[in-house]
Amino acid sequence: MSRGLIIRKDEILLIHRFKHGREYYVIPGGHVEPGESYEQALIREIKEETNLDVQINKKLWVLSDPYNQGNVHFYLITKFSGNDIKISGGPELDRQCEDNQYILEWHKIKDVQNLTLYPEGVKEKIELLY
């Protein structure tokens, strides 16, 4: 799995999730398909989930994610184009309903510590980065 920290000045783009009565946040990204590298998967997933075209700056870290039974590779993204952020494709668009929502939101990086953000440990990594 690959996820991208999309940074704009002092803000980060997050997906606000409302799923089966739970509320939390995730960093955009997703699963690697057969034949894809982590970087290729991230670029595709970001396009589907945000409608942004991105350039990856660098790999940041790898965290274990027991929920997805594997590791998540995190990348920094500060170069992107597109202003109309929205879920534009992939399974997220198909699954979107009243009980399963994906809402894209910019948040101040300093405020991330106050959010329920998955996977576990990512808030601490962001705090060390910024």
N, C-alpha and C. Protein backbone atom coordinates (compact mmCIF):
# COMPACT_ATOMS: atom_id res chain seq x y z
N MET A 1 0.84 -1.17 0.00
CA MET A 1 0.00 0.00 0.00
C MET A 1 0.89 1.24 0.00
N SER A 2 0.46 2.28 -0.71
CA SER A 2 1.18 3.55 -0.80
C SER A 2 0.25 4.69 -0.41
N ARG A 3 0.79 5.65 0.33
CA ARG A 3 0.02 6.84 0.70
C ARG A 3 0.91 8.07 0.52
N GLY A 4 0.28 9.20 0.15
CA GLY A 4 1.02 10.41 -0.12
C GLY A 4 0.61 11.58 0.75
N LEU A 5 1.58 12.17 1.44
CA LEU A 5 1.34 13.39 2.19
C LEU A 5 1.39 14.54 1.21
N ILE A 6 0.22 15.01 0.82
CA ILE A 6 0.11 16.12 -0.13
C ILE A 6 0.11 17.40 0.69
N ILE A 7 1.19 18.17 0.53
CA ILE A 7 1.41 19.35 1.35
C ILE A 7 1.29 20.61 0.50
N ARG A 8 0.52 21.57 1.02
CA ARG A 8 0.36 22.90 0.40
C ARG A 8 0.64 23.94 1.49
N LYS A 9 1.80 24.55 1.43
CA LYS A 9 2.26 25.50 2.45
C LYS A 9 2.24 24.83 3.81
N ASP A 10 1.33 25.22 4.70
CA ASP A 10 1.28 24.63 6.04
C ASP A 10 0.07 23.71 6.21
N GLU A 11 -0.44 23.18 5.09
CA GLU A 11 -1.62 22.32 5.13
C GLU A 11 -1.34 20.95 4.51
N ILE A 12 -2.14 19.97 4.92
CA ILE A 12 -2.07 18.62 4.37
C ILE A 12 -3.47 18.22 3.91
N LEU A 13 -3.53 17.52 2.79
CA LEU A 13 -4.81 17.05 2.26
C LEU A 13 -5.12 15.68 2.86
N LEU A 14 -6.28 15.58 3.50
CA LEU A 14 -6.72 14.34 4.13
C LEU A 14 -8.08 13.93 3.60
N ILE A 15 -8.39 12.66 3.74
CA ILE A 15 -9.72 12.15 3.41
C ILE A 15 -10.45 11.94 4.73
N HIS A 16 -11.52 12.71 4.92
CA HIS A 16 -12.37 12.60 6.11
C HIS A 16 -13.35 11.47 5.84
N ARG A 17 -13.27 10.42 6.64
CA ARG A 17 -14.09 9.23 6.43
C ARG A 17 -15.21 9.16 7.44
N PHE A 18 -16.39 8.85 6.95
CA PHE A 18 -17.53 8.49 7.77
C PHE A 18 -17.93 7.11 7.27
N LYS A 19 -17.68 6.07 8.10
CA LYS A 19 -17.90 4.71 7.65
C LYS A 19 -18.59 3.90 8.75
N HIS A 20 -19.81 3.49 8.48
CA HIS A 20 -20.57 2.64 9.40
C HIS A 20 -20.57 3.20 10.81
N GLY A 21 -20.84 4.51 10.93
CA GLY A 21 -20.94 5.16 12.23
C GLY A 21 -19.61 5.62 12.83
N ARG A 22 -18.50 5.33 12.18
CA ARG A 22 -17.19 5.77 12.65
C ARG A 22 -16.74 6.99 11.86
N GLU A 23 -16.00 7.87 12.53
CA GLU A 23 -15.45 9.06 11.89
C GLU A 23 -13.95 9.08 12.11
N TYR A 24 -13.18 9.24 11.03
CA TYR A 24 -11.73 9.27 11.12
C TYR A 24 -11.16 9.86 9.83
N TYR A 25 -9.83 9.97 9.78
CA TYR A 25 -9.14 10.54 8.63
C TYR A 25 -8.09 9.55 8.13
N VAL A 26 -7.82 9.62 6.83
CA VAL A 26 -6.73 8.84 6.22
C VAL A 26 -5.99 9.74 5.24
N ILE A 27 -4.78 9.33 4.94
CA ILE A 27 -3.96 10.02 3.95
C ILE A 27 -4.27 9.38 2.60
N PRO A 28 -4.46 10.16 1.55
CA PRO A 28 -4.79 9.59 0.23
C PRO A 28 -3.77 8.55 -0.23
N GLY A 29 -4.28 7.55 -0.91
CA GLY A 29 -3.45 6.48 -1.45
C GLY A 29 -4.21 5.17 -1.45
N GLY A 30 -3.51 4.08 -1.72
CA GLY A 30 -4.20 2.80 -1.74
C GLY A 30 -3.31 1.64 -2.13
N HIS A 31 -3.97 0.58 -2.56
CA HIS A 31 -3.30 -0.68 -2.85
C HIS A 31 -2.53 -0.67 -4.17
N VAL A 32 -1.48 -1.44 -4.19
CA VAL A 32 -0.65 -1.61 -5.38
C VAL A 32 -1.25 -2.75 -6.20
N GLU A 33 -1.50 -2.48 -7.47
CA GLU A 33 -2.03 -3.51 -8.36
C GLU A 33 -0.88 -4.30 -8.99
N PRO A 34 -1.17 -5.51 -9.45
CA PRO A 34 -0.10 -6.32 -10.08
C PRO A 34 0.61 -5.54 -11.19
N GLY A 35 1.94 -5.59 -11.18
CA GLY A 35 2.73 -4.92 -12.20
C GLY A 35 3.07 -3.48 -11.89
N GLU A 36 2.51 -2.92 -10.80
CA GLU A 36 2.78 -1.53 -10.44
C GLU A 36 3.88 -1.46 -9.38
N SER A 37 4.63 -0.37 -9.41
CA SER A 37 5.54 -0.06 -8.30
C SER A 37 4.71 0.70 -7.25
N TYR A 38 5.28 0.88 -6.08
CA TYR A 38 4.60 1.67 -5.05
C TYR A 38 4.34 3.09 -5.54
N GLU A 39 5.30 3.64 -6.26
CA GLU A 39 5.17 5.01 -6.77
C GLU A 39 4.08 5.10 -7.85
N GLN A 40 4.05 4.15 -8.76
CA GLN A 40 3.02 4.15 -9.81
C GLN A 40 1.63 4.01 -9.20
N ALA A 41 1.50 3.13 -8.21
CA ALA A 41 0.21 2.94 -7.54
C ALA A 41 -0.23 4.23 -6.87
N LEU A 42 0.71 4.91 -6.22
CA LEU A 42 0.37 6.15 -5.53
C LEU A 42 -0.12 7.22 -6.50
N ILE A 43 0.56 7.40 -7.60
CA ILE A 43 0.15 8.40 -8.59
C ILE A 43 -1.25 8.09 -9.11
N ARG A 44 -1.54 6.81 -9.40
CA ARG A 44 -2.87 6.40 -9.87
C ARG A 44 -3.93 6.62 -8.79
N GLU A 45 -3.62 6.15 -7.58
CA GLU A 45 -4.60 6.27 -6.48
C GLU A 45 -4.90 7.73 -6.14
N ILE A 46 -3.87 8.57 -6.13
CA ILE A 46 -4.08 10.00 -5.84
C ILE A 46 -4.99 10.62 -6.90
N LYS A 47 -4.79 10.26 -8.15
CA LYS A 47 -5.64 10.79 -9.23
C LYS A 47 -7.09 10.36 -9.00
N GLU A 48 -7.30 9.07 -8.67
CA GLU A 48 -8.65 8.57 -8.43
C GLU A 48 -9.30 9.22 -7.22
N GLU A 49 -8.52 9.41 -6.16
CA GLU A 49 -9.08 9.87 -4.89
C GLU A 49 -9.14 11.39 -4.75
N THR A 50 -8.35 12.13 -5.53
CA THR A 50 -8.31 13.58 -5.34
C THR A 50 -8.51 14.37 -6.63
N ASN A 51 -8.35 13.72 -7.77
CA ASN A 51 -8.38 14.36 -9.08
C ASN A 51 -7.15 15.24 -9.32
N LEU A 52 -6.09 15.03 -8.53
CA LEU A 52 -4.84 15.79 -8.70
C LEU A 52 -3.82 14.96 -9.47
N ASP A 53 -3.02 15.64 -10.27
CA ASP A 53 -1.85 15.05 -10.91
C ASP A 53 -0.66 15.42 -10.03
N VAL A 54 0.09 14.41 -9.58
CA VAL A 54 1.14 14.67 -8.60
C VAL A 54 2.51 14.22 -9.10
N GLN A 55 3.53 14.84 -8.51
CA GLN A 55 4.91 14.40 -8.66
C GLN A 55 5.41 14.07 -7.26
N ILE A 56 5.98 12.89 -7.09
CA ILE A 56 6.48 12.46 -5.79
C ILE A 56 7.83 13.11 -5.53
N ASN A 57 7.97 13.74 -4.37
CA ASN A 57 9.25 14.34 -3.97
C ASN A 57 10.22 13.26 -3.50
N LYS A 58 9.78 12.48 -2.49
CA LYS A 58 10.65 11.45 -1.93
C LYS A 58 9.85 10.51 -1.05
N LYS A 59 10.44 9.34 -0.81
CA LYS A 59 9.85 8.38 0.12
C LYS A 59 10.19 8.84 1.53
N LEU A 60 9.20 8.78 2.43
CA LEU A 60 9.40 9.23 3.79
C LEU A 60 9.67 8.08 4.76
N TRP A 61 8.78 7.10 4.78
CA TRP A 61 8.90 6.01 5.74
C TRP A 61 7.95 4.87 5.37
N VAL A 62 8.10 3.76 6.09
CA VAL A 62 7.22 2.60 5.95
C VAL A 62 6.68 2.29 7.33
N LEU A 63 5.35 2.15 7.44
CA LEU A 63 4.71 1.80 8.70
C LEU A 63 3.92 0.51 8.54
N SER A 64 3.86 -0.26 9.60
CA SER A 64 3.04 -1.47 9.62
C SER A 64 1.58 -1.06 9.80
N ASP A 65 0.69 -1.71 9.08
CA ASP A 65 -0.74 -1.43 9.19
C ASP A 65 -1.48 -2.75 9.42
N PRO A 66 -1.73 -3.09 10.69
CA PRO A 66 -2.40 -4.36 10.98
C PRO A 66 -3.79 -4.48 10.34
N TYR A 67 -4.47 -3.35 10.16
CA TYR A 67 -5.80 -3.37 9.56
C TYR A 67 -5.74 -3.92 8.13
N ASN A 68 -4.74 -3.48 7.38
CA ASN A 68 -4.58 -3.93 5.99
C ASN A 68 -3.60 -5.09 5.87
N GLN A 69 -3.13 -5.59 7.00
CA GLN A 69 -2.25 -6.75 7.07
C GLN A 69 -1.00 -6.59 6.19
N GLY A 70 -0.31 -5.48 6.38
CA GLY A 70 0.90 -5.26 5.60
C GLY A 70 1.55 -3.93 5.94
N ASN A 71 2.48 -3.54 5.10
CA ASN A 71 3.18 -2.28 5.29
C ASN A 71 2.61 -1.21 4.38
N VAL A 72 2.69 0.02 4.86
CA VAL A 72 2.27 1.18 4.08
C VAL A 72 3.50 2.04 3.82
N HIS A 73 3.72 2.36 2.55
CA HIS A 73 4.85 3.19 2.12
C HIS A 73 4.33 4.62 1.96
N PHE A 74 4.95 5.55 2.68
CA PHE A 74 4.53 6.95 2.67
C PHE A 74 5.51 7.79 1.87
N TYR A 75 4.95 8.71 1.09
CA TYR A 75 5.73 9.59 0.22
C TYR A 75 5.32 11.03 0.44
N LEU A 76 6.26 11.94 0.23
CA LEU A 76 6.00 13.37 0.31
C LEU A 76 5.66 13.88 -1.08
N ILE A 77 4.60 14.70 -1.16
CA ILE A 77 4.18 15.31 -2.43
C ILE A 77 3.94 16.80 -2.17
N THR A 78 4.74 17.64 -2.83
CA THR A 78 4.53 19.09 -2.73
C THR A 78 4.28 19.71 -4.10
N LYS A 79 4.42 18.89 -5.15
CA LYS A 79 4.19 19.37 -6.51
C LYS A 79 2.98 18.65 -7.08
N PHE A 80 1.94 19.43 -7.37
CA PHE A 80 0.72 18.84 -7.91
C PHE A 80 -0.02 19.89 -8.71
N SER A 81 -0.91 19.42 -9.56
CA SER A 81 -1.73 20.34 -10.35
C SER A 81 -3.17 19.87 -10.31
N GLY A 82 -4.06 20.84 -10.48
CA GLY A 82 -5.49 20.59 -10.43
C GLY A 82 -6.09 21.31 -9.24
N ASN A 83 -7.19 21.98 -9.45
CA ASN A 83 -7.83 22.74 -8.37
C ASN A 83 -9.14 22.14 -7.91
N ASP A 84 -9.73 21.30 -8.74
CA ASP A 84 -11.04 20.73 -8.45
C ASP A 84 -10.85 19.39 -7.73
N ILE A 85 -10.55 19.45 -6.41
CA ILE A 85 -10.32 18.19 -5.71
C ILE A 85 -11.65 17.48 -5.48
N LYS A 86 -11.66 16.21 -5.85
CA LYS A 86 -12.87 15.38 -5.69
C LYS A 86 -12.50 13.93 -5.93
N ILE A 87 -13.32 13.05 -5.42
CA ILE A 87 -13.17 11.63 -5.73
C ILE A 87 -13.57 11.48 -7.19
N SER A 88 -12.63 11.04 -8.03
CA SER A 88 -12.92 11.03 -9.47
C SER A 88 -12.96 9.64 -10.08
N GLY A 89 -12.72 8.60 -9.29
CA GLY A 89 -12.74 7.26 -9.86
C GLY A 89 -12.40 6.22 -8.82
N GLY A 90 -12.23 4.99 -9.28
CA GLY A 90 -11.85 3.90 -8.39
C GLY A 90 -12.99 3.43 -7.51
N PRO A 91 -12.69 2.50 -6.62
CA PRO A 91 -13.73 1.92 -5.77
C PRO A 91 -14.35 2.93 -4.81
N GLU A 92 -13.60 3.97 -4.43
CA GLU A 92 -14.15 4.97 -3.52
C GLU A 92 -15.38 5.65 -4.11
N LEU A 93 -15.33 5.95 -5.39
CA LEU A 93 -16.47 6.58 -6.05
C LEU A 93 -17.66 5.63 -6.06
N ASP A 94 -17.41 4.35 -6.33
CA ASP A 94 -18.50 3.36 -6.37
C ASP A 94 -19.09 3.10 -4.99
N ARG A 95 -18.26 3.14 -3.95
CA ARG A 95 -18.71 2.84 -2.59
C ARG A 95 -19.35 4.03 -1.88
N GLN A 96 -19.19 5.22 -2.42
CA GLN A 96 -19.67 6.42 -1.75
C GLN A 96 -21.19 6.35 -1.57
N CYS A 97 -21.63 6.48 -0.31
CA CYS A 97 -23.06 6.52 0.02
C CYS A 97 -23.19 7.21 1.37
N GLU A 98 -24.41 7.33 1.87
CA GLU A 98 -24.62 8.05 3.13
C GLU A 98 -23.86 7.42 4.29
N ASP A 99 -23.72 6.09 4.29
CA ASP A 99 -23.04 5.38 5.38
C ASP A 99 -21.56 5.12 5.12
N ASN A 100 -21.05 5.60 3.98
CA ASN A 100 -19.64 5.39 3.64
C ASN A 100 -19.18 6.58 2.80
N GLN A 101 -18.71 7.63 3.49
CA GLN A 101 -18.37 8.88 2.80
C GLN A 101 -16.87 9.13 2.78
N TYR A 102 -16.43 9.73 1.69
CA TYR A 102 -15.04 10.15 1.48
C TYR A 102 -15.08 11.65 1.18
N ILE A 103 -14.60 12.47 2.13
CA ILE A 103 -14.65 13.92 1.97
C ILE A 103 -13.22 14.46 2.02
N LEU A 104 -12.79 15.10 0.96
CA LEU A 104 -11.44 15.66 0.89
C LEU A 104 -11.39 17.00 1.61
N GLU A 105 -10.41 17.15 2.50
CA GLU A 105 -10.30 18.37 3.29
C GLU A 105 -8.83 18.75 3.49
N TRP A 106 -8.55 20.04 3.39
CA TRP A 106 -7.23 20.56 3.74
C TRP A 106 -7.24 20.88 5.23
N HIS A 107 -6.19 20.45 5.94
CA HIS A 107 -6.06 20.72 7.37
C HIS A 107 -4.69 21.31 7.65
N LYS A 108 -4.62 22.20 8.61
CA LYS A 108 -3.33 22.72 9.06
C LYS A 108 -2.52 21.55 9.61
N ILE A 109 -1.26 21.47 9.22
CA ILE A 109 -0.41 20.37 9.67
C ILE A 109 -0.34 20.35 11.20
N LYS A 110 -0.31 21.51 11.83
CA LYS A 110 -0.21 21.58 13.29
C LYS A 110 -1.45 21.02 13.98
N ASP A 111 -2.58 20.95 13.28
CA ASP A 111 -3.82 20.46 13.87
C ASP A 111 -4.03 18.96 13.70
N VAL A 112 -3.14 18.30 12.94
CA VAL A 112 -3.29 16.86 12.68
C VAL A 112 -3.29 16.07 13.99
N GLN A 113 -2.54 16.55 14.99
CA GLN A 113 -2.45 15.83 16.27
C GLN A 113 -3.81 15.70 16.96
N ASN A 114 -4.76 16.56 16.62
CA ASN A 114 -6.08 16.52 17.25
C ASN A 114 -7.08 15.64 16.50
N LEU A 115 -6.65 15.01 15.41
CA LEU A 115 -7.55 14.21 14.59
C LEU A 115 -7.33 12.72 14.84
N THR A 116 -8.36 11.93 14.58
CA THR A 116 -8.21 10.48 14.57
C THR A 116 -7.74 10.12 13.17
N LEU A 117 -6.44 9.80 13.06
CA LEU A 117 -5.80 9.58 11.77
C LEU A 117 -5.20 8.18 11.74
N TYR A 118 -5.50 7.44 10.68
CA TYR A 118 -4.97 6.09 10.52
C TYR A 118 -4.03 6.03 9.33
N PRO A 119 -3.03 5.11 9.35
CA PRO A 119 -2.80 4.08 10.35
C PRO A 119 -2.15 4.65 11.61
N GLU A 120 -2.17 3.84 12.68
CA GLU A 120 -1.56 4.22 13.94
C GLU A 120 -0.10 4.61 13.70
N GLY A 121 0.34 5.62 14.40
CA GLY A 121 1.74 6.03 14.31
C GLY A 121 2.03 7.10 13.29
N VAL A 122 1.11 7.35 12.37
CA VAL A 122 1.40 8.32 11.32
C VAL A 122 1.40 9.76 11.86
N LYS A 123 0.57 10.05 12.86
CA LYS A 123 0.56 11.40 13.43
C LYS A 123 1.92 11.76 14.02
N GLU A 124 2.52 10.80 14.72
CA GLU A 124 3.83 11.04 15.33
C GLU A 124 4.89 11.29 14.26
N LYS A 125 4.82 10.55 13.17
CA LYS A 125 5.77 10.73 12.07
C LYS A 125 5.62 12.12 11.44
N ILE A 126 4.37 12.56 11.26
CA ILE A 126 4.12 13.89 10.69
C ILE A 126 4.64 14.97 11.62
N GLU A 127 4.42 14.78 12.92
CA GLU A 127 4.90 15.75 13.89
C GLU A 127 6.43 15.87 13.84
N LEU A 128 7.13 14.76 13.70
CA LEU A 128 8.59 14.80 13.61
C LEU A 128 9.06 15.45 12.32
N LEU A 129 8.27 15.30 11.26
CA LEU A 129 8.61 15.87 9.96
C LEU A 129 8.43 17.38 9.95
N TYR A 130 7.41 17.85 10.66
CA TYR A 130 7.09 19.29 10.67
C TYR A 130 7.15 19.84 12.07
